[in-house]
Amino acid sequence: MFQTASHGASRLIRRTYPDVFHSRWMAAAYDAWSRVEDLTGEELFVKCGGLTFGPENDATLRATRDALVDCGIAHDLLSREAVAERFPALDIGKGVVGIYQADSGFLRADRCLRSQVDAAQKLGAVVHEGRKVIEITETGGGVSVITDHGIERFDAVVVTAGPWMGKLLPGLQLPLQVMLRQTTYSGVESEERFAPGQFPVWIHHPTDHYGFPSDGVLPGIKVACHHGGPEFDPAAPDRPVMDELADSVRAHARNHIAGLSGEIISAKACLYTVTPDERFILDFVPGSQRQIVCSGCSGHGFKFSALLGELAVAMARDGRAHPEAGAWRFARFG
């Protein structure tokens, strides 16, 4: 069963993490997406290279390079001038360096979701849309899922309720915050100049702004900030667009990107479900080997989602967690 906060045309995928744990797991995530592409026959991953940039003494930038070195992941350290030569539309600024990693790019998020559901149905899965899950209980060697359409029983259940996780499983007292975030598409003077290969995905530290090349689906380029926006009730009827955040993101983009038209083509709100350490939750409900929780993706989970799905299925089948996934377990919360 699932409920998702993810939507939109694109999600960033990268090997550049400021910690060795996620950098190593990203190798498995890339492999998982390759398997999904093979299964669905869809092109889901657009490889265009990625640049992480910031002041040379920035702690996150240093940790990112250390993790790349520790994991043996090829990368280039680029000056401002070298970045401008490779990507003329991008100016990282004075006193700033960039880490370029060629395997980065973006996933076609809407296509990923549609194609995976279609593939699951072809393999025999039954998809029920528009059903409200009221409660999940475990008795008699199985799990009962109570919905507004009745009760269904399963051998095991993987719960991926996104921002509704805390409301669905209140007894777990999960340390989750649901935060309102926003993505913006900025108009450009030339789509060709920002095509994949001509322009990378990018992340700027310490501001945590990030952006994409043209995705070929929506006009302009996607720019956003990992932070910004208040805590939010996912049951609220509307997710408001935050004009001040759109203006802030546009101002940041204009400082670093040449060739923007100045127009905001669209701005859409989304939700992050955030854990205190911004690491995911992938674990059994305490005392159970039939209920698996996958949540708290904290705004960077989509790139891992194919892998998390495989790990969750293995847990449901085998009744045990992967031995190297301990950093995603409940125990770290005490």
C-alpha atoms as a PDB file:
ATOM      1  CA  MET A   1       0.000   0.000   0.000  1.00  0.00           C
ATOM      2  CA  PHE A   2       1.266   3.453  -0.723  1.00  0.00           C
ATOM      3  CA  GLN A   3       0.502   7.139  -0.651  1.00  0.00           C
ATOM      4  CA  THR A   4       2.990   9.548  -2.107  1.00  0.00           C
ATOM      5  CA  ALA A   5       3.964  13.188  -1.898  1.00  0.00           C
ATOM      6  CA  SER A   6       6.079  12.840  -5.041  1.00  0.00           C
ATOM      7  CA  HIS A   7       4.840  14.435  -8.212  1.00  0.00           C
ATOM      8  CA  GLY A   8       6.178  16.385 -11.141  1.00  0.00           C
ATOM      9  CA  ALA A   9       8.291  15.736 -14.198  1.00  0.00           C
ATOM     10  CA  SER A  10      11.742  15.245 -12.672  1.00  0.00           C
ATOM     11  CA  ARG A  11      13.761  14.240  -9.618  1.00  0.00           C
ATOM     12  CA  LEU A  12      17.507  14.592  -9.183  1.00  0.00           C
ATOM     13  CA  ILE A  13      19.710  11.491  -8.999  1.00  0.00           C
ATOM     14  CA  ARG A  14      23.373  11.688  -7.964  1.00  0.00           C
ATOM     15  CA  ARG A  15      26.234   9.830  -6.341  1.00  0.00           C
ATOM     16  CA  THR A  16      27.468  12.985  -4.553  1.00  0.00           C
ATOM     17  CA  TYR A  17      26.462  12.680  -0.896  1.00  0.00           C
ATOM     18  CA  PRO A  18      28.244  14.200   2.111  1.00  0.00           C
ATOM     19  CA  ASP A  19      28.395  10.802   3.809  1.00  0.00           C
ATOM     20  CA  VAL A  20      29.828   7.431   2.854  1.00  0.00           C
ATOM     21  CA  PHE A  21      26.698   5.486   3.846  1.00  0.00           C
ATOM     22  CA  HIS A  22      24.429   7.050   1.203  1.00  0.00           C
ATOM     23  CA  SER A  23      27.207   7.327  -1.382  1.00  0.00           C
ATOM     24  CA  ARG A  24      27.737   3.559  -1.202  1.00  0.00           C
ATOM     25  CA  TRP A  25      24.032   2.759  -1.306  1.00  0.00           C
ATOM     26  CA  MET A  26      23.625   4.932  -4.414  1.00  0.00           C
ATOM     27  CA  ALA A  27      25.505   2.301  -6.450  1.00  0.00           C
ATOM     28  CA  ALA A  28      22.728  -0.159  -5.623  1.00  0.00           C
ATOM     29  CA  ALA A  29      20.083   2.503  -6.340  1.00  0.00           C
ATOM     30  CA  TYR A  30      21.471   3.079  -9.839  1.00  0.00           C
ATOM     31  CA  ASP A  31      21.391  -0.675 -10.444  1.00  0.00           C
ATOM     32  CA  ALA A  32      17.788  -0.830  -9.237  1.00  0.00           C
ATOM     33  CA  TRP A  33      16.712   1.876 -11.689  1.00  0.00           C
ATOM     34  CA  SER A  34      18.455  -0.015 -14.511  1.00  0.00           C
ATOM     35  CA  ARG A  35      16.354  -3.059 -13.620  1.00  0.00           C
ATOM     36  CA  VAL A  36      13.185  -0.946 -13.675  1.00  0.00           C
ATOM     37  CA  GLU A  37      14.095   0.401 -17.130  1.00  0.00           C
ATOM     38  CA  ASP A  38      14.739  -3.137 -18.367  1.00  0.00           C
ATOM     39  CA  LEU A  39      11.414  -4.323 -16.941  1.00  0.00           C
ATOM     40  CA  THR A  40       9.315  -1.438 -18.261  1.00  0.00           C
ATOM     41  CA  GLY A  41      11.128  -0.672 -21.517  1.00  0.00           C
ATOM     42  CA  GLU A  42      10.990   3.021 -20.565  1.00  0.00           C
ATOM     43  CA  GLU A  43      13.768   5.597 -20.551  1.00  0.00           C
ATOM     44  CA  LEU A  44      13.517   6.868 -16.967  1.00  0.00           C
ATOM     45  CA  PHE A  45      17.030   8.171 -16.234  1.00  0.00           C
ATOM     46  CA  VAL A  46      18.529  11.130 -18.117  1.00  0.00           C
ATOM     47  CA  LYS A  47      22.280  11.285 -17.560  1.00  0.00           C
ATOM     48  CA  CYS A  48      23.501  14.858 -17.909  1.00  0.00           C
ATOM     49  CA  GLY A  49      26.229  15.206 -15.263  1.00  0.00           C
ATOM     50  CA  GLY A  50      25.974  17.048 -11.987  1.00  0.00           C
ATOM     51  CA  LEU A  51      27.778  19.882 -10.252  1.00  0.00           C
ATOM     52  CA  THR A  52      27.884  20.475  -6.507  1.00  0.00           C
ATOM     53  CA  PHE A  53      29.456  23.844  -5.727  1.00  0.00           C
ATOM     54  CA  GLY A  54      30.194  26.165  -2.836  1.00  0.00           C
ATOM     55  CA  PRO A  55      33.012  27.871  -0.940  1.00  0.00           C
ATOM     56  CA  GLU A  56      36.115  25.710  -0.821  1.00  0.00           C
ATOM     57  CA  ASN A  57      35.950  25.564   2.999  1.00  0.00           C
ATOM     58  CA  ASP A  58      32.247  24.632   3.101  1.00  0.00           C
ATOM     59  CA  ALA A  59      31.850  21.632   5.434  1.00  0.00           C
ATOM     60  CA  THR A  60      29.241  19.864   3.282  1.00  0.00           C
ATOM     61  CA  LEU A  61      31.317  20.298   0.143  1.00  0.00           C
ATOM     62  CA  ARG A  62      34.400  18.890   1.887  1.00  0.00           C
ATOM     63  CA  ALA A  63      32.412  15.951   3.265  1.00  0.00           C
ATOM     64  CA  THR A  64      31.001  15.256  -0.197  1.00  0.00           C
ATOM     65  CA  ARG A  65      34.445  15.069  -1.760  1.00  0.00           C
ATOM     66  CA  ASP A  66      35.750  12.904   1.096  1.00  0.00           C
ATOM     67  CA  ALA A  67      32.874  10.459   0.571  1.00  0.00           C
ATOM     68  CA  LEU A  68      33.537  10.304  -3.177  1.00  0.00           C
ATOM     69  CA  VAL A  69      37.192   9.555  -2.520  1.00  0.00           C
ATOM     70  CA  ASP A  70      36.384   6.929   0.133  1.00  0.00           C
ATOM     71  CA  CYS A  71      33.954   5.202  -2.242  1.00  0.00           C
ATOM     72  CA  GLY A  72      36.251   5.403  -5.257  1.00  0.00           C
ATOM     73  CA  ILE A  73      33.742   7.406  -7.298  1.00  0.00           C
ATOM     74  CA  ALA A  74      35.280   9.325 -10.198  1.00  0.00           C
ATOM     75  CA  HIS A  75      34.840  13.097 -10.066  1.00  0.00           C
ATOM     76  CA  ASP A  76      36.485  16.369 -11.068  1.00  0.00           C
ATOM     77  CA  LEU A  77      37.255  19.378  -8.879  1.00  0.00           C
ATOM     78  CA  LEU A  78      36.577  22.465 -11.007  1.00  0.00           C
ATOM     79  CA  SER A  79      37.371  26.150 -10.621  1.00  0.00           C
ATOM     80  CA  ARG A  80      34.914  28.883 -11.468  1.00  0.00           C
ATOM     81  CA  GLU A  81      36.633  29.331 -14.829  1.00  0.00           C
ATOM     82  CA  ALA A  82      36.588  25.606 -15.611  1.00  0.00           C
ATOM     83  CA  VAL A  83      32.862  25.407 -14.840  1.00  0.00           C
ATOM     84  CA  ALA A  84      32.168  28.394 -17.120  1.00  0.00           C
ATOM     85  CA  GLU A  85      34.142  26.759 -19.917  1.00  0.00           C
ATOM     86  CA  ARG A  86      32.188  23.525 -19.600  1.00  0.00           C
ATOM     87  CA  PHE A  87      28.777  25.092 -18.888  1.00  0.00           C
ATOM     88  CA  PRO A  88      28.735  28.698 -20.169  1.00  0.00           C
ATOM     89  CA  ALA A  89      25.300  29.442 -18.686  1.00  0.00           C
ATOM     90  CA  LEU A  90      26.448  28.663 -15.132  1.00  0.00           C
ATOM     91  CA  ASP A  91      28.517  31.026 -12.960  1.00  0.00           C
ATOM     92  CA  ILE A  92      29.295  29.506  -9.569  1.00  0.00           C
ATOM     93  CA  GLY A  93      30.781  32.781  -8.253  1.00  0.00           C
ATOM     94  CA  LYS A  94      34.005  34.128  -6.807  1.00  0.00           C
ATOM     95  CA  GLY A  95      35.962  32.009  -4.349  1.00  0.00           C
ATOM     96  CA  VAL A  96      33.801  28.989  -5.170  1.00  0.00           C
ATOM     97  CA  VAL A  97      34.747  25.520  -6.427  1.00  0.00           C
ATOM     98  CA  GLY A  98      32.657  22.797  -7.980  1.00  0.00           C
ATOM     99  CA  ILE A  99      32.631  19.009  -7.793  1.00  0.00           C
ATOM    100  CA  TYR A 100      31.545  17.521 -11.112  1.00  0.00           C
ATOM    101  CA  GLN A 101      30.316  13.922 -11.219  1.00  0.00           C
ATOM    102  CA  ALA A 102      29.418  12.557 -14.644  1.00  0.00           C
ATOM    103  CA  ASP A 103      26.877   9.926 -13.516  1.00  0.00           C
ATOM    104  CA  SER A 104      24.421  12.494 -12.127  1.00  0.00           C
ATOM    105  CA  GLY A 105      21.209  13.434 -13.876  1.00  0.00           C
ATOM    106  CA  PHE A 106      17.487  13.268 -13.335  1.00  0.00           C
ATOM    107  CA  LEU A 107      14.705  10.714 -13.236  1.00  0.00           C
ATOM    108  CA  ARG A 108      11.496  11.323 -15.174  1.00  0.00           C
ATOM    109  CA  ALA A 109       9.426  11.079 -12.007  1.00  0.00           C
ATOM    110  CA  ASP A 110       5.892  10.968 -13.407  1.00  0.00           C
ATOM    111  CA  ARG A 111       6.970   8.371 -15.963  1.00  0.00           C
ATOM    112  CA  CYS A 112       8.715   6.356 -13.218  1.00  0.00           C
ATOM    113  CA  LEU A 113       5.516   6.135 -11.183  1.00  0.00           C
ATOM    114  CA  ARG A 114       3.227   5.320 -14.112  1.00  0.00           C
ATOM    115  CA  SER A 115       5.508   2.716 -15.659  1.00  0.00           C
ATOM    116  CA  GLN A 116       6.151   0.926 -12.355  1.00  0.00           C
ATOM    117  CA  VAL A 117       2.425   0.672 -11.588  1.00  0.00           C
ATOM    118  CA  ASP A 118       1.766  -0.599 -15.117  1.00  0.00           C
ATOM    119  CA  ALA A 119       4.560  -3.169 -14.803  1.00  0.00           C
ATOM    120  CA  ALA A 120       3.290  -4.331 -11.407  1.00  0.00           C
ATOM    121  CA  GLN A 121      -0.193  -4.857 -12.816  1.00  0.00           C
ATOM    122  CA  LYS A 122       1.188  -6.864 -15.733  1.00  0.00           C
ATOM    123  CA  LEU A 123       2.967  -9.075 -13.189  1.00  0.00           C
ATOM    124  CA  GLY A 124      -0.295  -9.708 -11.339  1.00  0.00           C
ATOM    125  CA  ALA A 125      -0.531  -6.865  -8.806  1.00  0.00           C
ATOM    126  CA  VAL A 126      -3.978  -5.466  -8.040  1.00  0.00           C
ATOM    127  CA  VAL A 127      -4.050  -1.679  -7.649  1.00  0.00           C
ATOM    128  CA  HIS A 128      -6.860  -0.007  -5.699  1.00  0.00           C
ATOM    129  CA  GLU A 129      -6.903   3.761  -6.193  1.00  0.00           C
ATOM    130  CA  GLY A 130      -8.771   6.305  -4.125  1.00  0.00           C
ATOM    131  CA  ARG A 131      -9.200   4.130  -1.048  1.00  0.00           C
ATOM    132  CA  LYS A 132      -8.716   5.598   2.401  1.00  0.00           C
ATOM    133  CA  VAL A 133      -6.810   3.353   4.798  1.00  0.00           C
ATOM    134  CA  ILE A 134      -8.252   3.726   8.287  1.00  0.00           C
ATOM    135  CA  GLU A 135      -6.259   1.239  10.343  1.00  0.00           C
ATOM    136  CA  ILE A 136      -3.745  -1.597  10.065  1.00  0.00           C
ATOM    137  CA  THR A 137      -3.885  -4.461  12.555  1.00  0.00           C
ATOM    138  CA  GLU A 138      -1.952  -7.702  12.921  1.00  0.00           C
ATOM    139  CA  THR A 139      -3.663 -10.820  14.258  1.00  0.00           C
ATOM    140  CA  GLY A 140      -3.691 -14.537  13.606  1.00  0.00           C
ATOM    141  CA  GLY A 141      -0.589 -14.733  11.477  1.00  0.00           C
ATOM    142  CA  GLY A 142      -1.611 -12.019   9.041  1.00  0.00           C
ATOM    143  CA  VAL A 143      -2.203  -8.302   8.623  1.00  0.00           C
ATOM    144  CA  SER A 144      -5.633  -6.698   8.206  1.00  0.00           C
ATOM    145  CA  VAL A 145      -5.925  -3.435   6.313  1.00  0.00           C
ATOM    146  CA  ILE A 146      -9.161  -1.632   7.134  1.00  0.00           C
ATOM    147  CA  THR A 147     -10.263   0.823   4.445  1.00  0.00           C
ATOM    148  CA  ASP A 148     -13.399   2.799   3.636  1.00  0.00           C
ATOM    149  CA  HIS A 149     -14.249  -0.101   1.292  1.00  0.00           C
ATOM    150  CA  GLY A 150     -13.920  -2.887   3.863  1.00  0.00           C
ATOM    151  CA  ILE A 151     -11.223  -5.169   5.269  1.00  0.00           C
ATOM    152  CA  GLU A 152      -8.519  -7.005   3.333  1.00  0.00           C
ATOM    153  CA  ARG A 153      -6.008  -9.485   4.780  1.00  0.00           C
ATOM    154  CA  PHE A 154      -2.418  -9.986   3.685  1.00  0.00           C
ATOM    155  CA  ASP A 155       0.589 -12.051   4.718  1.00  0.00           C
ATOM    156  CA  ALA A 156       2.646  -8.848   5.052  1.00  0.00           C
ATOM    157  CA  VAL A 157       2.197  -5.120   4.435  1.00  0.00           C
ATOM    158  CA  VAL A 158       4.663  -2.428   3.375  1.00  0.00           C
ATOM    159  CA  VAL A 159       3.401   0.976   4.481  1.00  0.00           C
ATOM    160  CA  THR A 160       4.672   3.916   2.424  1.00  0.00           C
ATOM    161  CA  ALA A 161       2.147   6.542   3.448  1.00  0.00           C
ATOM    162  CA  GLY A 162       4.473   9.528   3.046  1.00  0.00           C
ATOM    163  CA  PRO A 163       3.227  12.613   4.898  1.00  0.00           C
ATOM    164  CA  TRP A 164       0.237  10.645   6.231  1.00  0.00           C
ATOM    165  CA  MET A 165       2.440   8.135   8.058  1.00  0.00           C
ATOM    166  CA  GLY A 166       2.124   9.782  11.468  1.00  0.00           C
ATOM    167  CA  LYS A 167      -1.669   9.922  11.200  1.00  0.00           C
ATOM    168  CA  LEU A 168      -1.975   6.318   9.982  1.00  0.00           C
ATOM    169  CA  LEU A 169       0.371   4.800  12.602  1.00  0.00           C
ATOM    170  CA  PRO A 170       0.036   7.139  15.618  1.00  0.00           C
ATOM    171  CA  GLY A 171       1.055   4.426  18.087  1.00  0.00           C
ATOM    172  CA  LEU A 172       4.611   4.426  16.736  1.00  0.00           C
ATOM    173  CA  GLN A 173       5.078   8.096  17.714  1.00  0.00           C
ATOM    174  CA  LEU A 174       7.378   8.586  14.748  1.00  0.00           C
ATOM    175  CA  PRO A 175       9.604  11.691  14.920  1.00  0.00           C
ATOM    176  CA  LEU A 176       8.357  13.031  11.590  1.00  0.00           C
ATOM    177  CA  GLN A 177       7.688  16.586  10.503  1.00  0.00           C
ATOM    178  CA  VAL A 178       5.661  17.290   7.373  1.00  0.00           C
ATOM    179  CA  MET A 179       7.081  20.408   5.732  1.00  0.00           C
ATOM    180  CA  LEU A 180       5.748  22.516   2.871  1.00  0.00           C
ATOM    181  CA  ARG A 181       8.249  22.962   0.042  1.00  0.00           C
ATOM    182  CA  GLN A 182       8.052  24.429  -3.430  1.00  0.00           C
ATOM    183  CA  THR A 183       9.490  23.984  -6.920  1.00  0.00           C
ATOM    184  CA  THR A 184       9.687  26.714  -9.546  1.00  0.00           C
ATOM    185  CA  TYR A 185      10.085  26.627 -13.305  1.00  0.00           C
ATOM    186  CA  SER A 186      11.959  29.711 -14.539  1.00  0.00           C
ATOM    187  CA  GLY A 187      11.667  30.811 -18.131  1.00  0.00           C
ATOM    188  CA  VAL A 188      14.779  30.771 -20.344  1.00  0.00           C
ATOM    189  CA  GLU A 189      15.736  32.639 -23.487  1.00  0.00           C
ATOM    190  CA  SER A 190      16.880  29.454 -25.250  1.00  0.00           C
ATOM    191  CA  GLU A 191      15.751  25.931 -24.381  1.00  0.00           C
ATOM    192  CA  GLU A 192      18.644  24.531 -26.436  1.00  0.00           C
ATOM    193  CA  ARG A 193      21.203  26.243 -24.210  1.00  0.00           C
ATOM    194  CA  PHE A 194      19.788  24.384 -21.207  1.00  0.00           C
ATOM    195  CA  ALA A 195      19.341  20.965 -22.792  1.00  0.00           C
ATOM    196  CA  PRO A 196      20.812  17.928 -20.980  1.00  0.00           C
ATOM    197  CA  GLY A 197      24.485  17.792 -21.910  1.00  0.00           C
ATOM    198  CA  GLN A 198      24.647  21.564 -22.263  1.00  0.00           C
ATOM    199  CA  PHE A 199      23.594  22.195 -18.662  1.00  0.00           C
ATOM    200  CA  PRO A 200      23.929  19.934 -15.585  1.00  0.00           C
ATOM    201  CA  VAL A 201      21.850  19.232 -12.544  1.00  0.00           C
ATOM    202  CA  TRP A 202      23.373  21.318  -9.770  1.00  0.00           C
ATOM    203  CA  ILE A 203      23.367  21.908  -6.007  1.00  0.00           C
ATOM    204  CA  HIS A 204      24.716  24.990  -4.236  1.00  0.00           C
ATOM    205  CA  HIS A 205      26.049  24.839  -0.688  1.00  0.00           C
ATOM    206  CA  PRO A 206      25.493  26.226   1.869  1.00  0.00           C
ATOM    207  CA  THR A 207      22.173  27.596   0.531  1.00  0.00           C
ATOM    208  CA  ASP A 208      20.905  24.159  -0.602  1.00  0.00           C
ATOM    209  CA  HIS A 209      19.385  25.576  -3.776  1.00  0.00           C
ATOM    210  CA  TYR A 210      19.362  23.116  -6.658  1.00  0.00           C
ATOM    211  CA  GLY A 211      18.276  22.938 -10.269  1.00  0.00           C
ATOM    212  CA  PHE A 212      17.912  20.988 -13.497  1.00  0.00           C
ATOM    213  CA  PRO A 213      18.425  21.368 -17.222  1.00  0.00           C
ATOM    214  CA  SER A 214      15.390  21.522 -19.473  1.00  0.00           C
ATOM    215  CA  ASP A 215      13.456  18.277 -18.982  1.00  0.00           C
ATOM    216  CA  GLY A 216      11.730  18.349 -22.372  1.00  0.00           C
ATOM    217  CA  VAL A 217       8.324  18.119 -20.686  1.00  0.00           C
ATOM    218  CA  LEU A 218       7.728  21.569 -19.215  1.00  0.00           C
ATOM    219  CA  PRO A 219       9.166  24.824 -20.611  1.00  0.00           C
ATOM    220  CA  GLY A 220      11.984  26.527 -18.723  1.00  0.00           C
ATOM    221  CA  ILE A 221      14.219  25.005 -16.066  1.00  0.00           C
ATOM    222  CA  LYS A 222      13.335  23.718 -12.619  1.00  0.00           C
ATOM    223  CA  VAL A 223      14.904  25.519  -9.650  1.00  0.00           C
ATOM    224  CA  ALA A 224      14.127  24.950  -5.973  1.00  0.00           C
ATOM    225  CA  CYS A 225      15.488  25.068  -2.438  1.00  0.00           C
ATOM    226  CA  HIS A 226      15.789  22.105  -0.092  1.00  0.00           C
ATOM    227  CA  HIS A 227      14.660  24.377   2.762  1.00  0.00           C
ATOM    228  CA  GLY A 228      11.950  27.028   3.134  1.00  0.00           C
ATOM    229  CA  GLY A 229       8.315  26.674   4.023  1.00  0.00           C
ATOM    230  CA  PRO A 230       6.456  25.890   7.265  1.00  0.00           C
ATOM    231  CA  GLU A 231       5.270  22.684   8.888  1.00  0.00           C
ATOM    232  CA  PHE A 232       2.059  21.635   7.178  1.00  0.00           C
ATOM    233  CA  ASP A 233      -0.950  19.367   7.699  1.00  0.00           C
ATOM    234  CA  PRO A 234      -1.167  16.951   4.744  1.00  0.00           C
ATOM    235  CA  ALA A 235      -4.951  16.769   5.238  1.00  0.00           C
ATOM    236  CA  ALA A 236      -5.314  20.484   4.460  1.00  0.00           C
ATOM    237  CA  PRO A 237      -7.419  20.956   1.297  1.00  0.00           C
ATOM    238  CA  ASP A 238      -4.890  23.193  -0.476  1.00  0.00           C
ATOM    239  CA  ARG A 239      -1.113  23.470  -0.622  1.00  0.00           C
ATOM    240  CA  PRO A 240      -0.518  27.183  -1.067  1.00  0.00           C
ATOM    241  CA  VAL A 241       2.094  28.610  -3.410  1.00  0.00           C
ATOM    242  CA  MET A 242       4.549  30.767  -1.461  1.00  0.00           C
ATOM    243  CA  ASP A 243       5.228  33.838  -3.594  1.00  0.00           C
ATOM    244  CA  GLU A 244       8.077  35.061  -1.398  1.00  0.00           C
ATOM    245  CA  LEU A 245       9.873  31.715  -1.791  1.00  0.00           C
ATOM    246  CA  ALA A 246       9.411  31.806  -5.569  1.00  0.00           C
ATOM    247  CA  ASP A 247      10.934  35.294  -5.613  1.00  0.00           C
ATOM    248  CA  SER A 248      13.852  34.149  -3.451  1.00  0.00           C
ATOM    249  CA  VAL A 249      14.579  31.149  -5.665  1.00  0.00           C
ATOM    250  CA  ARG A 250      14.370  33.302  -8.791  1.00  0.00           C
ATOM    251  CA  ALA A 251      16.829  35.818  -7.299  1.00  0.00           C
ATOM    252  CA  HIS A 252      19.277  33.039  -6.452  1.00  0.00           C
ATOM    253  CA  ALA A 253      19.010  31.582  -9.955  1.00  0.00           C
ATOM    254  CA  ARG A 254      19.676  34.972 -11.563  1.00  0.00           C
ATOM    255  CA  ASN A 255      22.888  35.291  -9.538  1.00  0.00           C
ATOM    256  CA  HIS A 256      24.278  32.081 -11.025  1.00  0.00           C
ATOM    257  CA  ILE A 257      22.529  31.385 -14.328  1.00  0.00           C
ATOM    258  CA  ALA A 258      22.752  33.448 -17.508  1.00  0.00           C
ATOM    259  CA  GLY A 259      19.988  33.346 -20.081  1.00  0.00           C
ATOM    260  CA  LEU A 260      16.926  33.389 -17.836  1.00  0.00           C
ATOM    261  CA  SER A 261      13.949  35.336 -19.148  1.00  0.00           C
ATOM    262  CA  GLY A 262      12.929  36.535 -15.671  1.00  0.00           C
ATOM    263  CA  GLU A 263       9.522  34.885 -15.973  1.00  0.00           C
ATOM    264  CA  ILE A 264       8.242  32.354 -13.437  1.00  0.00           C
ATOM    265  CA  ILE A 265       6.387  29.847 -15.588  1.00  0.00           C
ATOM    266  CA  SER A 266       5.023  27.823 -12.691  1.00  0.00           C
ATOM    267  CA  ALA A 267       5.420  27.364  -8.956  1.00  0.00           C
ATOM    268  CA  LYS A 268       4.006  24.304  -7.191  1.00  0.00           C
ATOM    269  CA  ALA A 269       3.972  23.277  -3.560  1.00  0.00           C
ATOM    270  CA  CYS A 270       4.912  19.785  -2.384  1.00  0.00           C
ATOM    271  CA  LEU A 271       5.486  18.051   0.939  1.00  0.00           C
ATOM    272  CA  TYR A 272       8.611  16.694   2.593  1.00  0.00           C
ATOM    273  CA  THR A 273       8.277  14.114   5.377  1.00  0.00           C
ATOM    274  CA  VAL A 274      11.388  14.825   7.433  1.00  0.00           C
ATOM    275  CA  THR A 275      13.196  12.817  10.114  1.00  0.00           C
ATOM    276  CA  PRO A 276      15.469  14.588  12.635  1.00  0.00           C
ATOM    277  CA  ASP A 277      18.626  13.340  10.866  1.00  0.00           C
ATOM    278  CA  GLU A 278      17.100  13.453   7.350  1.00  0.00           C
ATOM    279  CA  ARG A 279      17.759   9.734   6.941  1.00  0.00           C
ATOM    280  CA  PHE A 280      14.955   7.448   5.841  1.00  0.00           C
ATOM    281  CA  ILE A 281      13.011   4.968   7.928  1.00  0.00           C
ATOM    282  CA  LEU A 282      13.034   1.401   6.615  1.00  0.00           C
ATOM    283  CA  ASP A 283      12.219  -1.068   9.355  1.00  0.00           C
ATOM    284  CA  PHE A 284       9.703  -3.504  10.797  1.00  0.00           C
ATOM    285  CA  VAL A 285       7.071  -2.187  13.164  1.00  0.00           C
ATOM    286  CA  PRO A 286       8.478  -3.095  16.608  1.00  0.00           C
ATOM    287  CA  GLY A 287       7.420  -6.607  17.568  1.00  0.00           C
ATOM    288  CA  SER A 288       6.328  -7.523  14.037  1.00  0.00           C
ATOM    289  CA  GLN A 289       7.887  -9.290  11.078  1.00  0.00           C
ATOM    290  CA  ARG A 290       4.874  -8.641   8.849  1.00  0.00           C
ATOM    291  CA  GLN A 291       4.556  -4.839   8.881  1.00  0.00           C
ATOM    292  CA  ILE A 292       7.297  -2.790   7.227  1.00  0.00           C
ATOM    293  CA  VAL A 293       7.491   0.992   7.399  1.00  0.00           C
ATOM    294  CA  CYS A 294       9.235   2.964   4.654  1.00  0.00           C
ATOM    295  CA  SER A 295       9.042   6.702   5.278  1.00  0.00           C
ATOM    296  CA  GLY A 296      10.789   9.921   6.227  1.00  0.00           C
ATOM    297  CA  CYS A 297      12.511  10.380   2.905  1.00  0.00           C
ATOM    298  CA  SER A 298      13.245  14.003   3.838  1.00  0.00           C
ATOM    299  CA  GLY A 299      13.245  15.397   0.310  1.00  0.00           C
ATOM    300  CA  HIS A 300      15.941  13.119  -1.120  1.00  0.00           C
ATOM    301  CA  GLY A 301      14.241   9.733  -1.277  1.00  0.00           C
ATOM    302  CA  PHE A 302      12.975   9.474  -4.848  1.00  0.00           C
ATOM    303  CA  LYS A 303      16.393   8.539  -6.243  1.00  0.00           C
ATOM    304  CA  PHE A 304      16.437   5.638  -3.753  1.00  0.00           C
ATOM    305  CA  SER A 305      12.812   4.589  -4.259  1.00  0.00           C
ATOM    306  CA  ALA A 306      13.415   1.691  -6.667  1.00  0.00           C
ATOM    307  CA  LEU A 307      16.026   0.287  -4.272  1.00  0.00           C
ATOM    308  CA  LEU A 308      13.873   0.869  -1.182  1.00  0.00           C
ATOM    309  CA  GLY A 309      11.072  -1.022  -2.902  1.00  0.00           C
ATOM    310  CA  GLU A 310      13.345  -4.007  -3.520  1.00  0.00           C
ATOM    311  CA  LEU A 311      14.613  -3.956   0.074  1.00  0.00           C
ATOM    312  CA  ALA A 312      11.079  -3.700   1.475  1.00  0.00           C
ATOM    313  CA  VAL A 313       9.883  -6.628  -0.654  1.00  0.00           C
ATOM    314  CA  ALA A 314      12.807  -8.733   0.594  1.00  0.00           C
ATOM    315  CA  MET A 315      11.897  -7.842   4.183  1.00  0.00           C
ATOM    316  CA  ALA A 316       8.266  -8.858   3.632  1.00  0.00           C
ATOM    317  CA  ARG A 317       9.344 -12.122   2.014  1.00  0.00           C
ATOM    318  CA  ASP A 318      12.191 -13.101   4.368  1.00  0.00           C
ATOM    319  CA  GLY A 319      11.151 -11.521   7.672  1.00  0.00           C
ATOM    320  CA  ARG A 320      14.491  -9.806   8.226  1.00  0.00           C
ATOM    321  CA  ALA A 321      16.140  -6.503   7.343  1.00  0.00           C
ATOM    322  CA  HIS A 322      19.236  -6.024   5.207  1.00  0.00           C
ATOM    323  CA  PRO A 323      22.270  -6.138   7.540  1.00  0.00           C
ATOM    324  CA  GLU A 324      23.852  -3.024   6.004  1.00  0.00           C
ATOM    325  CA  ALA A 325      20.735  -0.825   6.262  1.00  0.00           C
ATOM    326  CA  GLY A 326      20.969  -0.207   9.998  1.00  0.00           C
ATOM    327  CA  ALA A 327      21.166   3.578   9.625  1.00  0.00           C
ATOM    328  CA  TRP A 328      17.537   3.537   8.418  1.00  0.00           C
ATOM    329  CA  ARG A 329      16.137   1.608  11.396  1.00  0.00           C
ATOM    330  CA  PHE A 330      13.987   2.865  14.302  1.00  0.00           C
ATOM    331  CA  ALA A 331      16.681   2.081  16.882  1.00  0.00           C
ATOM    332  CA  ARG A 332      18.582   5.270  16.120  1.00  0.00           C
ATOM    333  CA  PHE A 333      15.742   7.326  17.621  1.00  0.00           C
ATOM    334  CA  GLY A 334      16.189   5.700  21.029  1.00  0.00           C
END
